[in-house]
Amino acid sequence: MDTPTLRILDATSSSIGSSLSINQLTQRIKTTHGTAYYANIYQKLQELKNEGLLTLDPIGRSSNVKLNFQNYLLIDALAEMEIEKKRKLLTKLTNLLPFLTEMDHAFKDTYTIKTITAINPAKSLKLNRIELLFLIAETQDSHTETVELFKEMQKLQNKHNLKIDSLILNKTDFQELSTSDEISPVREALSEKIIFFGPQAFWSQIRDITEKTEIKASKTETKPASIPEIDIAYNFNRFGYRELGRPINQGQKICIEYITTALLLQDDVRLQEAAPVILAKNSFKSNVLAFLSQKFGTSNKLLGTLKILQELKPTREIDQTIDLLSIFSVEEISADKESIMAKLRLYNAL
């Protein structure tokens, strides 16, 4: 695959679900690679359009660039793009090869893994850590599969002295999170990733989703500790926790797992006490909450909170999250049972 095609497919696929003009595409490539010229991009886009890999939809005096998932060969082209990105990364980071080789051997023919994707690896690996998105097949007991995968990743983390944060999702959860109007780590992962294993399976799954609904990649990485107060208040209200005197204005919809993580990062005890209330009043995804708690260092507080909720209002999500956190040998920070009970009663969550 020639370099212009690689860069165009990469920029377009990382902006899936967004309208991207030729000017915007050119600017995005220039920002990432340091150089890009409109005329050259335009010419290459015409070639890719003629090959059926992209569509150019006229919008006024411009055109929107989109992947053409109706073309059978697009999946192969995207897989080739991912393999080339992986090759370039590993050429620079050869010390990662033993870890990937062992992970490949550990999971071969053992688990129902469809694909493994590294989330923004160039950034995370500089900090001696890596974030991995596992997509697994639908099974009758996806949770048991997830627990076993977490255990294997914990072994690899200890052996290779590499901090590994794993987000493990089945097809249903991946589709729900990638198409939601809520900001989530899955939507953010779609824009900065390199697929290590199973690129064709990944893009086939994306194609299947786009045939039914729209995927919404997000270019901005959420930092829970820095979520604006207007968004905290707005999502509080969405999740059934409204404080007197706090104005409610339109904000961004953010997933409950991010909001919970943000609350546990606060120094304000009053805000921390909101976490058990919204968890008790709403469903949440155990895998996502466990992933974020590991990434942002809230596992100890989360475990203490969940154990109190397990006593007061047990749910499947709470039990499963505790199962996952126990794998990490988390040192629990005990929560105030009486205070949590009072809050739950105040907000009709018991």
Foldseek 3Di string as FASTA:
>chain_A
DDPLVLLLVLQQQLQFLDWAWLVNSQVVSCVVPVDGDSVVNVVVLVVCVVVVQWDWDDDPPITTIHGRLVDPCNLVVQLVSLVVVVVVVCVVVVVCVVLLVVVCVVPPPPFQWQFKKWFQCVVQVVVQETEIETEGEDDPCVLVRVLVVLLVVVVSCVVSVGHYQYQYYYLVVLLCQQQDQADAVSLARSNGIRIPPNSSSVVVSVSVSVVPGGGGHDPDDDDLLPDDPQQLQQVCVVLQHHDPPDDHDDDGHHALLSSLLSQLPDPDVVSPLSNLQSPLRDPDALSRNLSSCSVSVSLQALLQSLVLCCVVPNDPSSVSNNSSSVSVVHNHDHDDNVSSVVVCVVRVSD
